[in-house]
Amino acid sequence: MSFSTWLLFVSVSLVAAFSPGPGVLMAISTASSHGARRAFYSSAGNALGVFIVATTAVTGLGLVLKASELAFGLLKLAGAAYLIYLGIKAWRNAGKQTAAQAQQQPVAESRLSTFRAGLLVAVSNPKAILFFTAVFPQFMPQDHIDPLRFLLLTATFTACTLLSHFFYVSCAAWVKRNVTASASRRRLAGRGTGVVFIGMGGALLTVR
């Protein structure tokens, strides 16, 4: 792969990564409610999910989703249901958790659940699979799968994803320190996040 071709893929990846989606919203929500450090686990889970989705697309399973209305519909329902569940959970928990209560939670379990949530958001999004199915073939050899090129493309997209999460998490951490310090504002922000999650779940149901 030439350097100019790789730069073109980087530009496509940056646009896709910085476009707000479920993964970005998950990172922002985690940073707002639990702090920027906890958001790292959400982003790490999302990065692993990106790798799984990319592998799924390259191995041809993405074409199955593109061709099978039933398979795509089932994954779409699963992804939408999970986003709506996260939205309802964010709405119900808005403003309830104080800093002292957060410290009392089992740290290992909370980190694992945050990592798992980021992973599930990534792998349950059929739009991401279709994105890789459409984009990766443009940068891969037509007659075979080049493992080194696949790893380079996947690593590049994952790095762009993590960069976008770092940017959004930094913004969320600043907002948390300077804007949502009061309980009423935290509650409003949490409910706003819940509404956005539910809205994304509803929008996902309309994807064809």
N, C-alpha and C. Protein backbone atom coordinates (compact mmCIF):
# COMPACT_ATOMS: atom_id res chain seq x y z
N MET A 1 0.85 -1.20 0.00
CA MET A 1 0.00 0.00 0.00
C MET A 1 0.88 1.24 0.00
N SER A 2 0.60 2.15 -0.94
CA SER A 2 1.37 3.38 -1.01
C SER A 2 1.00 4.31 0.13
N PHE A 3 1.90 5.25 0.40
CA PHE A 3 1.67 6.18 1.51
C PHE A 3 0.47 7.07 1.22
N SER A 4 0.28 7.48 -0.04
CA SER A 4 -0.86 8.33 -0.39
C SER A 4 -2.17 7.59 -0.21
N THR A 5 -2.18 6.29 -0.53
CA THR A 5 -3.40 5.49 -0.32
C THR A 5 -3.72 5.36 1.15
N TRP A 6 -2.67 5.18 1.96
CA TRP A 6 -2.87 5.08 3.41
C TRP A 6 -3.39 6.40 3.97
N LEU A 7 -2.87 7.52 3.49
CA LEU A 7 -3.35 8.82 3.94
C LEU A 7 -4.82 9.02 3.58
N LEU A 8 -5.22 8.52 2.41
CA LEU A 8 -6.62 8.60 2.03
C LEU A 8 -7.49 7.80 2.99
N PHE A 9 -7.01 6.62 3.37
CA PHE A 9 -7.76 5.81 4.33
C PHE A 9 -7.81 6.49 5.68
N VAL A 10 -6.73 7.14 6.09
CA VAL A 10 -6.71 7.87 7.36
C VAL A 10 -7.77 8.97 7.35
N SER A 11 -7.88 9.70 6.24
CA SER A 11 -8.87 10.78 6.17
C SER A 11 -10.28 10.23 6.27
N VAL A 12 -10.55 9.11 5.58
CA VAL A 12 -11.87 8.48 5.66
C VAL A 12 -12.15 8.00 7.09
N SER A 13 -11.14 7.43 7.72
CA SER A 13 -11.29 6.90 9.08
C SER A 13 -11.55 8.02 10.08
N LEU A 14 -10.85 9.14 9.93
CA LEU A 14 -11.03 10.26 10.85
C LEU A 14 -12.45 10.83 10.76
N VAL A 15 -12.95 10.96 9.53
CA VAL A 15 -14.31 11.47 9.36
C VAL A 15 -15.31 10.52 10.02
N ALA A 16 -15.12 9.22 9.79
CA ALA A 16 -16.04 8.24 10.37
C ALA A 16 -15.92 8.20 11.89
N ALA A 17 -14.68 8.26 12.40
CA ALA A 17 -14.47 8.15 13.84
C ALA A 17 -14.99 9.36 14.61
N PHE A 18 -14.85 10.56 14.03
CA PHE A 18 -15.27 11.77 14.73
C PHE A 18 -16.75 12.07 14.54
N SER A 19 -17.41 11.32 13.67
CA SER A 19 -18.86 11.48 13.53
C SER A 19 -19.53 10.89 14.77
N PRO A 20 -20.28 11.66 15.53
CA PRO A 20 -20.87 11.14 16.77
C PRO A 20 -21.74 9.92 16.52
N GLY A 21 -21.48 8.87 17.26
CA GLY A 21 -22.25 7.64 17.16
C GLY A 21 -22.38 7.00 18.53
N PRO A 22 -22.88 5.78 18.60
CA PRO A 22 -23.06 5.12 19.90
C PRO A 22 -21.77 4.98 20.70
N GLY A 23 -20.66 4.66 20.02
CA GLY A 23 -19.40 4.50 20.75
C GLY A 23 -18.92 5.79 21.37
N VAL A 24 -19.01 6.88 20.60
CA VAL A 24 -18.63 8.19 21.12
C VAL A 24 -19.54 8.60 22.28
N LEU A 25 -20.85 8.38 22.10
CA LEU A 25 -21.79 8.74 23.17
C LEU A 25 -21.52 7.93 24.43
N MET A 26 -21.17 6.66 24.27
CA MET A 26 -20.85 5.82 25.43
C MET A 26 -19.64 6.38 26.17
N ALA A 27 -18.61 6.80 25.43
CA ALA A 27 -17.42 7.36 26.06
C ALA A 27 -17.75 8.66 26.79
N ILE A 28 -18.55 9.51 26.15
CA ILE A 28 -18.93 10.78 26.78
C ILE A 28 -19.76 10.54 28.04
N SER A 29 -20.72 9.61 27.94
CA SER A 29 -21.57 9.30 29.09
C SER A 29 -20.75 8.75 30.25
N THR A 30 -19.81 7.86 29.96
CA THR A 30 -18.97 7.29 31.01
C THR A 30 -18.09 8.34 31.66
N ALA A 31 -17.51 9.23 30.83
CA ALA A 31 -16.66 10.29 31.38
C ALA A 31 -17.46 11.26 32.24
N SER A 32 -18.71 11.53 31.82
CA SER A 32 -19.54 12.47 32.56
C SER A 32 -19.99 11.91 33.90
N SER A 33 -20.26 10.60 33.94
CA SER A 33 -20.79 10.01 35.17
C SER A 33 -19.72 9.41 36.08
N HIS A 34 -18.64 8.90 35.50
CA HIS A 34 -17.63 8.19 36.30
C HIS A 34 -16.22 8.77 36.17
N GLY A 35 -16.03 9.74 35.29
CA GLY A 35 -14.71 10.33 35.14
C GLY A 35 -13.99 9.84 33.90
N ALA A 36 -12.97 10.60 33.49
CA ALA A 36 -12.25 10.31 32.25
C ALA A 36 -11.49 8.98 32.33
N ARG A 37 -10.96 8.65 33.49
CA ARG A 37 -10.21 7.40 33.60
C ARG A 37 -11.10 6.19 33.34
N ARG A 38 -12.32 6.21 33.86
CA ARG A 38 -13.23 5.09 33.65
C ARG A 38 -13.62 4.99 32.17
N ALA A 39 -13.68 6.13 31.49
CA ALA A 39 -14.03 6.12 30.07
C ALA A 39 -13.00 5.37 29.24
N PHE A 40 -11.77 5.24 29.76
CA PHE A 40 -10.75 4.48 29.05
C PHE A 40 -11.20 3.05 28.81
N TYR A 41 -11.87 2.46 29.79
CA TYR A 41 -12.31 1.07 29.65
C TYR A 41 -13.42 0.95 28.61
N SER A 42 -14.28 1.93 28.56
CA SER A 42 -15.32 1.94 27.52
C SER A 42 -14.68 2.04 26.14
N SER A 43 -13.70 2.92 26.00
CA SER A 43 -13.03 3.10 24.71
C SER A 43 -12.24 1.86 24.32
N ALA A 44 -11.60 1.21 25.32
CA ALA A 44 -10.85 -0.01 25.02
C ALA A 44 -11.79 -1.12 24.54
N GLY A 45 -12.96 -1.24 25.19
CA GLY A 45 -13.94 -2.22 24.74
C GLY A 45 -14.44 -1.91 23.35
N ASN A 46 -14.65 -0.63 23.06
CA ASN A 46 -15.10 -0.22 21.74
C ASN A 46 -14.03 -0.52 20.69
N ALA A 47 -12.75 -0.32 21.04
CA ALA A 47 -11.66 -0.61 20.11
C ALA A 47 -11.61 -2.10 19.78
N LEU A 48 -11.79 -2.95 20.78
CA LEU A 48 -11.84 -4.39 20.52
C LEU A 48 -13.04 -4.72 19.64
N GLY A 49 -14.16 -4.07 19.89
CA GLY A 49 -15.34 -4.29 19.06
C GLY A 49 -15.10 -3.88 17.62
N VAL A 50 -14.37 -2.78 17.41
CA VAL A 50 -14.03 -2.34 16.06
C VAL A 50 -13.22 -3.41 15.34
N PHE A 51 -12.26 -4.01 16.04
CA PHE A 51 -11.45 -5.07 15.44
C PHE A 51 -12.32 -6.26 15.06
N ILE A 52 -13.25 -6.63 15.94
CA ILE A 52 -14.13 -7.76 15.65
C ILE A 52 -15.02 -7.45 14.45
N VAL A 53 -15.55 -6.24 14.41
CA VAL A 53 -16.42 -5.85 13.30
C VAL A 53 -15.65 -5.84 11.98
N ALA A 54 -14.42 -5.31 12.01
CA ALA A 54 -13.60 -5.28 10.80
C ALA A 54 -13.31 -6.70 10.31
N THR A 55 -12.98 -7.59 11.24
CA THR A 55 -12.72 -8.97 10.87
C THR A 55 -13.96 -9.62 10.27
N THR A 56 -15.10 -9.34 10.87
CA THR A 56 -16.37 -9.86 10.36
C THR A 56 -16.63 -9.40 8.94
N ALA A 57 -16.35 -8.14 8.68
CA ALA A 57 -16.59 -7.59 7.35
C ALA A 57 -15.65 -8.21 6.31
N VAL A 58 -14.36 -8.32 6.66
CA VAL A 58 -13.37 -8.81 5.71
C VAL A 58 -13.57 -10.29 5.40
N THR A 59 -14.00 -11.06 6.38
CA THR A 59 -14.18 -12.50 6.16
C THR A 59 -15.46 -12.82 5.39
N GLY A 60 -16.23 -11.82 5.04
CA GLY A 60 -17.39 -12.04 4.20
C GLY A 60 -18.71 -12.06 4.93
N LEU A 61 -18.68 -12.05 6.26
CA LEU A 61 -19.94 -12.07 6.99
C LEU A 61 -20.72 -10.77 6.80
N GLY A 62 -19.98 -9.70 6.51
CA GLY A 62 -20.66 -8.44 6.23
C GLY A 62 -21.51 -8.53 4.98
N LEU A 63 -21.04 -9.28 3.98
CA LEU A 63 -21.83 -9.47 2.76
C LEU A 63 -23.09 -10.27 3.05
N VAL A 64 -22.99 -11.20 4.02
CA VAL A 64 -24.16 -11.97 4.41
C VAL A 64 -25.23 -11.04 4.98
N LEU A 65 -24.81 -10.12 5.84
CA LEU A 65 -25.75 -9.15 6.41
C LEU A 65 -26.33 -8.25 5.32
N LYS A 66 -25.50 -7.92 4.35
CA LYS A 66 -25.96 -7.04 3.28
C LYS A 66 -26.97 -7.74 2.39
N ALA A 67 -26.79 -9.06 2.25
CA ALA A 67 -27.68 -9.81 1.35
C ALA A 67 -28.89 -10.40 2.06
N SER A 68 -28.75 -10.69 3.35
CA SER A 68 -29.84 -11.34 4.08
C SER A 68 -30.61 -10.32 4.90
N GLU A 69 -31.84 -10.10 4.52
CA GLU A 69 -32.68 -9.16 5.26
C GLU A 69 -32.97 -9.66 6.67
N LEU A 70 -33.10 -10.99 6.84
CA LEU A 70 -33.38 -11.55 8.16
C LEU A 70 -32.20 -11.35 9.10
N ALA A 71 -30.98 -11.69 8.63
CA ALA A 71 -29.79 -11.56 9.48
C ALA A 71 -29.56 -10.10 9.85
N PHE A 72 -29.71 -9.22 8.88
CA PHE A 72 -29.52 -7.79 9.16
C PHE A 72 -30.57 -7.29 10.13
N GLY A 73 -31.81 -7.75 9.94
CA GLY A 73 -32.89 -7.31 10.81
C GLY A 73 -32.70 -7.76 12.25
N LEU A 74 -32.22 -8.98 12.43
CA LEU A 74 -32.00 -9.50 13.79
C LEU A 74 -30.90 -8.71 14.49
N LEU A 75 -29.80 -8.46 13.78
CA LEU A 75 -28.71 -7.69 14.38
C LEU A 75 -29.16 -6.25 14.65
N LYS A 76 -29.95 -5.71 13.74
CA LYS A 76 -30.46 -4.35 13.93
C LYS A 76 -31.34 -4.26 15.17
N LEU A 77 -32.21 -5.25 15.36
CA LEU A 77 -33.07 -5.26 16.54
C LEU A 77 -32.25 -5.39 17.82
N ALA A 78 -31.23 -6.26 17.78
CA ALA A 78 -30.39 -6.43 18.96
C ALA A 78 -29.65 -5.14 19.30
N GLY A 79 -29.09 -4.49 18.29
CA GLY A 79 -28.37 -3.25 18.53
C GLY A 79 -29.28 -2.14 19.03
N ALA A 80 -30.47 -2.03 18.42
CA ALA A 80 -31.42 -1.00 18.84
C ALA A 80 -31.90 -1.25 20.27
N ALA A 81 -32.17 -2.51 20.58
CA ALA A 81 -32.65 -2.85 21.93
C ALA A 81 -31.59 -2.51 22.97
N TYR A 82 -30.32 -2.76 22.66
CA TYR A 82 -29.26 -2.48 23.63
C TYR A 82 -29.10 -0.98 23.83
N LEU A 83 -29.18 -0.20 22.74
CA LEU A 83 -29.06 1.25 22.87
C LEU A 83 -30.23 1.82 23.68
N ILE A 84 -31.42 1.31 23.42
CA ILE A 84 -32.59 1.79 24.18
C ILE A 84 -32.47 1.40 25.65
N TYR A 85 -31.95 0.20 25.91
CA TYR A 85 -31.71 -0.23 27.30
C TYR A 85 -30.73 0.72 27.99
N LEU A 86 -29.64 1.08 27.30
CA LEU A 86 -28.68 2.01 27.88
C LEU A 86 -29.32 3.37 28.12
N GLY A 87 -30.20 3.79 27.22
CA GLY A 87 -30.88 5.06 27.40
C GLY A 87 -31.78 5.08 28.61
N ILE A 88 -32.56 4.01 28.77
CA ILE A 88 -33.46 3.91 29.93
C ILE A 88 -32.65 3.86 31.23
N LYS A 89 -31.54 3.13 31.19
CA LYS A 89 -30.68 3.03 32.37
C LYS A 89 -30.08 4.39 32.73
N ALA A 90 -29.62 5.13 31.70
CA ALA A 90 -29.05 6.46 31.95
C ALA A 90 -30.11 7.40 32.51
N TRP A 91 -31.32 7.33 31.99
CA TRP A 91 -32.41 8.20 32.47
C TRP A 91 -32.75 7.90 33.93
N ARG A 92 -32.85 6.61 34.26
CA ARG A 92 -33.25 6.23 35.61
C ARG A 92 -32.16 6.54 36.63
N ASN A 93 -30.89 6.45 36.20
CA ASN A 93 -29.79 6.67 37.14
C ASN A 93 -29.30 8.11 37.15
N ALA A 94 -29.92 8.97 36.35
CA ALA A 94 -29.46 10.35 36.25
C ALA A 94 -29.49 11.06 37.59
N GLY A 95 -28.31 11.53 38.01
CA GLY A 95 -28.22 12.31 39.24
C GLY A 95 -28.29 11.52 40.52
N LYS A 96 -28.47 10.20 40.45
CA LYS A 96 -28.61 9.41 41.67
C LYS A 96 -27.27 9.09 42.32
N GLN A 97 -26.26 8.90 41.48
CA GLN A 97 -24.99 8.42 42.01
C GLN A 97 -24.11 9.59 42.42
N THR A 98 -23.72 9.62 43.66
CA THR A 98 -22.79 10.63 44.16
C THR A 98 -21.37 10.08 44.07
N ALA A 99 -20.40 10.96 44.30
CA ALA A 99 -19.00 10.53 44.25
C ALA A 99 -18.71 9.47 45.30
N ALA A 100 -19.31 9.65 46.49
CA ALA A 100 -19.08 8.67 47.56
C ALA A 100 -19.64 7.30 47.18
N GLN A 101 -20.82 7.29 46.57
CA GLN A 101 -21.40 6.02 46.15
C GLN A 101 -20.58 5.36 45.07
N ALA A 102 -20.03 6.16 44.17
CA ALA A 102 -19.20 5.60 43.10
C ALA A 102 -17.97 4.92 43.66
N GLN A 103 -17.38 5.49 44.73
CA GLN A 103 -16.19 4.90 45.33
C GLN A 103 -16.50 3.59 46.05
N GLN A 104 -17.76 3.40 46.46
CA GLN A 104 -18.12 2.19 47.18
C GLN A 104 -18.36 1.00 46.25
N GLN A 105 -18.48 1.23 44.95
CA GLN A 105 -18.71 0.14 44.02
C GLN A 105 -17.46 -0.71 43.89
N PRO A 106 -17.60 -2.03 43.67
CA PRO A 106 -16.43 -2.86 43.39
C PRO A 106 -15.74 -2.37 42.12
N VAL A 107 -14.48 -1.95 42.23
CA VAL A 107 -13.79 -1.32 41.11
C VAL A 107 -13.64 -2.27 39.94
N ALA A 108 -13.19 -3.51 40.21
CA ALA A 108 -12.94 -4.47 39.13
C ALA A 108 -14.22 -4.78 38.36
N GLU A 109 -15.30 -4.98 39.09
CA GLU A 109 -16.57 -5.30 38.44
C GLU A 109 -17.05 -4.12 37.60
N SER A 110 -16.91 -2.91 38.12
CA SER A 110 -17.37 -1.74 37.40
C SER A 110 -16.55 -1.52 36.13
N ARG A 111 -15.24 -1.73 36.22
CA ARG A 111 -14.39 -1.58 35.04
C ARG A 111 -14.73 -2.62 33.99
N LEU A 112 -14.99 -3.85 34.41
CA LEU A 112 -15.34 -4.91 33.48
C LEU A 112 -16.68 -4.61 32.80
N SER A 113 -17.65 -4.14 33.56
CA SER A 113 -18.95 -3.83 32.98
C SER A 113 -18.84 -2.66 32.00
N THR A 114 -17.98 -1.69 32.30
CA THR A 114 -17.78 -0.56 31.39
C THR A 114 -17.11 -1.02 30.11
N PHE A 115 -16.11 -1.88 30.23
CA PHE A 115 -15.44 -2.44 29.06
C PHE A 115 -16.42 -3.24 28.21
N ARG A 116 -17.23 -4.06 28.88
CA ARG A 116 -18.20 -4.90 28.17
C ARG A 116 -19.24 -4.04 27.45
N ALA A 117 -19.67 -2.96 28.07
CA ALA A 117 -20.65 -2.08 27.44
C ALA A 117 -20.10 -1.46 26.16
N GLY A 118 -18.85 -1.00 26.22
CA GLY A 118 -18.22 -0.44 25.03
C GLY A 118 -18.08 -1.47 23.92
N LEU A 119 -17.76 -2.70 24.30
CA LEU A 119 -17.63 -3.78 23.32
C LEU A 119 -18.97 -4.09 22.66
N LEU A 120 -20.02 -4.20 23.46
CA LEU A 120 -21.33 -4.55 22.93
C LEU A 120 -21.89 -3.46 22.03
N VAL A 121 -21.62 -2.21 22.37
CA VAL A 121 -22.08 -1.11 21.52
C VAL A 121 -21.45 -1.21 20.13
N ALA A 122 -20.18 -1.59 20.08
CA ALA A 122 -19.49 -1.67 18.79
C ALA A 122 -19.97 -2.85 17.95
N VAL A 123 -20.08 -4.04 18.56
CA VAL A 123 -20.38 -5.24 17.77
C VAL A 123 -21.86 -5.37 17.43
N SER A 124 -22.72 -4.63 18.10
CA SER A 124 -24.15 -4.74 17.83
C SER A 124 -24.65 -3.66 16.87
N ASN A 125 -23.73 -2.93 16.26
CA ASN A 125 -24.11 -1.86 15.34
C ASN A 125 -23.96 -2.35 13.89
N PRO A 126 -25.05 -2.71 13.21
CA PRO A 126 -24.93 -3.23 11.83
C PRO A 126 -24.40 -2.19 10.86
N LYS A 127 -24.61 -0.90 11.16
CA LYS A 127 -24.10 0.14 10.29
C LYS A 127 -22.58 0.10 10.23
N ALA A 128 -21.92 -0.24 11.36
CA ALA A 128 -20.46 -0.32 11.38
C ALA A 128 -19.98 -1.47 10.49
N ILE A 129 -20.67 -2.60 10.55
CA ILE A 129 -20.29 -3.74 9.73
C ILE A 129 -20.43 -3.40 8.25
N LEU A 130 -21.52 -2.74 7.88
CA LEU A 130 -21.72 -2.36 6.49
C LEU A 130 -20.69 -1.32 6.05
N PHE A 131 -20.27 -0.46 6.99
CA PHE A 131 -19.24 0.53 6.66
C PHE A 131 -17.94 -0.17 6.27
N PHE A 132 -17.52 -1.12 7.09
CA PHE A 132 -16.29 -1.84 6.77
C PHE A 132 -16.45 -2.68 5.51
N THR A 133 -17.62 -3.26 5.32
CA THR A 133 -17.85 -4.06 4.12
C THR A 133 -17.72 -3.21 2.86
N ALA A 134 -18.14 -1.94 2.95
CA ALA A 134 -18.07 -1.06 1.79
C ALA A 134 -16.69 -0.43 1.61
N VAL A 135 -16.01 -0.10 2.71
CA VAL A 135 -14.78 0.67 2.63
C VAL A 135 -13.54 -0.22 2.47
N PHE A 136 -13.44 -1.29 3.25
CA PHE A 136 -12.22 -2.10 3.24
C PHE A 136 -11.87 -2.64 1.85
N PRO A 137 -12.83 -3.14 1.07
CA PRO A 137 -12.46 -3.67 -0.25
C PRO A 137 -11.81 -2.63 -1.16
N GLN A 138 -12.05 -1.35 -0.91
CA GLN A 138 -11.44 -0.30 -1.73
C GLN A 138 -9.94 -0.18 -1.47
N PHE A 139 -9.49 -0.70 -0.35
CA PHE A 139 -8.08 -0.57 0.02
C PHE A 139 -7.39 -1.94 0.16
N MET A 140 -8.10 -3.00 -0.23
CA MET A 140 -7.55 -4.35 -0.15
C MET A 140 -7.40 -4.93 -1.55
N PRO A 141 -6.47 -5.88 -1.75
CA PRO A 141 -6.39 -6.55 -3.06
C PRO A 141 -7.70 -7.24 -3.40
N GLN A 142 -8.06 -7.22 -4.67
CA GLN A 142 -9.35 -7.76 -5.09
C GLN A 142 -9.38 -9.29 -5.07
N ASP A 143 -8.21 -9.94 -5.24
CA ASP A 143 -8.20 -11.39 -5.41
C ASP A 143 -7.93 -12.16 -4.13
N HIS A 144 -7.45 -11.48 -3.07
CA HIS A 144 -7.16 -12.19 -1.82
C HIS A 144 -7.11 -11.20 -0.67
N ILE A 145 -7.11 -11.74 0.55
CA ILE A 145 -7.01 -10.92 1.76
C ILE A 145 -5.55 -10.86 2.19
N ASP A 146 -5.00 -9.67 2.24
CA ASP A 146 -3.63 -9.45 2.67
C ASP A 146 -3.63 -9.23 4.19
N PRO A 147 -3.14 -10.20 4.97
CA PRO A 147 -3.20 -10.05 6.44
C PRO A 147 -2.49 -8.81 6.95
N LEU A 148 -1.32 -8.48 6.37
CA LEU A 148 -0.58 -7.31 6.85
C LEU A 148 -1.33 -6.03 6.55
N ARG A 149 -1.91 -5.95 5.36
CA ARG A 149 -2.68 -4.76 5.02
C ARG A 149 -3.93 -4.66 5.88
N PHE A 150 -4.55 -5.80 6.13
CA PHE A 150 -5.73 -5.81 6.99
C PHE A 150 -5.38 -5.30 8.38
N LEU A 151 -4.27 -5.77 8.94
CA LEU A 151 -3.86 -5.33 10.27
C LEU A 151 -3.54 -3.83 10.27
N LEU A 152 -2.90 -3.35 9.20
CA LEU A 152 -2.57 -1.94 9.10
C LEU A 152 -3.84 -1.09 9.05
N LEU A 153 -4.80 -1.49 8.22
CA LEU A 153 -6.04 -0.74 8.09
C LEU A 153 -6.83 -0.76 9.39
N THR A 154 -6.91 -1.93 10.01
CA THR A 154 -7.66 -2.05 11.26
C THR A 154 -7.01 -1.25 12.37
N ALA A 155 -5.67 -1.35 12.46
CA ALA A 155 -4.95 -0.58 13.49
C ALA A 155 -5.12 0.92 13.27
N THR A 156 -5.11 1.34 12.01
CA THR A 156 -5.28 2.75 11.70
C THR A 156 -6.67 3.24 12.11
N PHE A 157 -7.69 2.47 11.74
CA PHE A 157 -9.05 2.88 12.10
C PHE A 157 -9.25 2.87 13.61
N THR A 158 -8.69 1.86 14.29
CA THR A 158 -8.81 1.79 15.74
C THR A 158 -8.13 2.98 16.40
N ALA A 159 -6.95 3.36 15.88
CA ALA A 159 -6.24 4.52 16.42
C ALA A 159 -7.06 5.80 16.23
N CYS A 160 -7.69 5.94 15.07
CA CYS A 160 -8.54 7.10 14.82
C CYS A 160 -9.73 7.11 15.78
N THR A 161 -10.28 5.92 16.04
CA THR A 161 -11.40 5.80 16.98
C THR A 161 -10.98 6.24 18.38
N LEU A 162 -9.83 5.75 18.83
CA LEU A 162 -9.34 6.11 20.16
C LEU A 162 -9.03 7.61 20.25
N LEU A 163 -8.51 8.17 19.14
CA LEU A 163 -8.22 9.61 19.12
C LEU A 163 -9.51 10.42 19.27
N SER A 164 -10.55 9.99 18.56
CA SER A 164 -11.82 10.71 18.67
C SER A 164 -12.40 10.58 20.07
N HIS A 165 -12.27 9.40 20.68
CA HIS A 165 -12.77 9.20 22.04
C HIS A 165 -12.00 10.08 23.02
N PHE A 166 -10.68 10.17 22.84
CA PHE A 166 -9.88 11.02 23.73
C PHE A 166 -10.34 12.47 23.64
N PHE A 167 -10.64 12.92 22.42
CA PHE A 167 -11.09 14.30 22.23
C PHE A 167 -12.43 14.53 22.93
N TYR A 168 -13.39 13.63 22.68
CA TYR A 168 -14.73 13.81 23.25
C TYR A 168 -14.72 13.62 24.77
N VAL A 169 -13.92 12.68 25.25
CA VAL A 169 -13.83 12.46 26.70
C VAL A 169 -13.22 13.67 27.39
N SER A 170 -12.20 14.27 26.77
CA SER A 170 -11.59 15.47 27.34
C SER A 170 -12.61 16.60 27.43
N CYS A 171 -13.42 16.73 26.38
CA CYS A 171 -14.47 17.77 26.40
C CYS A 171 -15.50 17.46 27.49
N ALA A 172 -15.88 16.18 27.61
CA ALA A 172 -16.87 15.81 28.63
C ALA A 172 -16.32 16.04 30.03
N ALA A 173 -15.04 15.74 30.24
CA ALA A 173 -14.43 15.95 31.55
C ALA A 173 -14.40 17.43 31.91
N TRP A 174 -14.12 18.27 30.90
CA TRP A 174 -14.13 19.73 31.15
C TRP A 174 -15.53 20.20 31.51
N VAL A 175 -16.52 19.71 30.77
CA VAL A 175 -17.91 20.09 31.05
C VAL A 175 -18.32 19.64 32.45
N LYS A 176 -17.88 18.44 32.84
CA LYS A 176 -18.23 17.93 34.16
C LYS A 176 -17.65 18.81 35.26
N ARG A 177 -16.43 19.28 35.06
CA ARG A 177 -15.78 20.11 36.08
C ARG A 177 -16.37 21.51 36.15
N ASN A 178 -16.78 22.06 35.02
CA ASN A 178 -17.15 23.47 34.97
C ASN A 178 -18.63 23.76 34.76
N VAL A 179 -19.38 22.78 34.28
CA VAL A 179 -20.78 23.05 33.95
C VAL A 179 -21.74 22.22 34.77
N THR A 180 -21.47 20.92 34.93
CA THR A 180 -22.43 20.02 35.59
C THR A 180 -22.01 19.70 37.02
N ALA A 181 -21.50 20.71 37.72
CA ALA A 181 -21.05 20.43 39.09
C ALA A 181 -22.23 20.20 40.03
N SER A 182 -23.35 20.85 39.80
CA SER A 182 -24.49 20.70 40.70
C SER A 182 -25.27 19.43 40.39
N ALA A 183 -26.02 18.95 41.39
CA ALA A 183 -26.78 17.71 41.23
C ALA A 183 -27.87 17.86 40.17
N SER A 184 -28.50 19.03 40.12
CA SER A 184 -29.57 19.23 39.13
C SER A 184 -29.03 19.19 37.71
N ARG A 185 -27.85 19.76 37.51
CA ARG A 185 -27.25 19.74 36.18
C ARG A 185 -26.79 18.34 35.81
N ARG A 186 -26.26 17.61 36.78
CA ARG A 186 -25.87 16.23 36.50
C ARG A 186 -27.08 15.39 36.11
N ARG A 187 -28.18 15.61 36.82
CA ARG A 187 -29.41 14.88 36.50
C ARG A 187 -29.90 15.23 35.10
N LEU A 188 -29.85 16.50 34.76
CA LEU A 188 -30.28 16.93 33.43
C LEU A 188 -29.38 16.35 32.35
N ALA A 189 -28.07 16.34 32.60
CA ALA A 189 -27.14 15.79 31.62
C ALA A 189 -27.35 14.29 31.45
N GLY A 190 -27.58 13.59 32.57
CA GLY A 190 -27.82 12.15 32.50
C GLY A 190 -29.08 11.80 31.73
N ARG A 191 -30.13 12.58 31.96
CA ARG A 191 -31.38 12.33 31.25
C ARG A 191 -31.24 12.69 29.78
N GLY A 192 -30.47 13.73 29.50
CA GLY A 192 -30.22 14.08 28.10
C GLY A 192 -29.48 12.97 27.38
N THR A 193 -28.50 12.38 28.07
CA THR A 193 -27.78 11.25 27.49
C THR A 193 -28.72 10.08 27.23
N GLY A 194 -29.61 9.82 28.19
CA GLY A 194 -30.57 8.74 28.02
C GLY A 194 -31.47 8.95 26.81
N VAL A 195 -31.92 10.17 26.62
CA VAL A 195 -32.78 10.49 25.48
C VAL A 195 -32.03 10.27 24.17
N VAL A 196 -30.74 10.66 24.13
CA VAL A 196 -29.96 10.48 22.91
C VAL A 196 -29.76 9.00 22.61
N PHE A 197 -29.46 8.21 23.64
CA PHE A 197 -29.30 6.77 23.44
C PHE A 197 -30.59 6.16 22.88
N ILE A 198 -31.72 6.52 23.47
CA ILE A 198 -33.00 6.00 23.00
C ILE A 198 -33.27 6.46 21.57
N GLY A 199 -32.93 7.70 21.28
CA GLY A 199 -33.10 8.21 19.93
C GLY A 199 -32.25 7.47 18.92
N MET A 200 -31.00 7.14 19.30
CA MET A 200 -30.14 6.39 18.41
C MET A 200 -30.68 4.98 18.17
N GLY A 201 -31.22 4.39 19.25
CA GLY A 201 -31.82 3.06 19.10
C GLY A 201 -33.00 3.10 18.15
N GLY A 202 -33.84 4.12 18.29
CA GLY A 202 -34.97 4.26 17.38
C GLY A 202 -34.53 4.52 15.95
N ALA A 203 -33.49 5.34 15.78
CA ALA A 203 -32.99 5.62 14.43
C ALA A 203 -32.41 4.37 13.79
N LEU A 204 -31.77 3.52 14.61
CA LEU A 204 -31.18 2.30 14.07
C LEU A 204 -32.25 1.38 13.50
N LEU A 205 -33.44 1.43 14.08
CA LEU A 205 -34.52 0.57 13.58
C LEU A 205 -34.98 0.97 12.19
N THR A 206 -34.69 2.20 11.78
CA THR A 206 -35.12 2.66 10.46
C THR A 206 -34.09 2.35 9.37
N VAL A 207 -32.89 1.87 9.78
CA VAL A 207 -31.83 1.61 8.80
C VAL A 207 -32.22 0.39 7.95
N ARG A 208 -31.99 0.48 6.65
CA ARG A 208 -32.27 -0.63 5.73
C ARG A 208 -31.04 -0.95 4.91
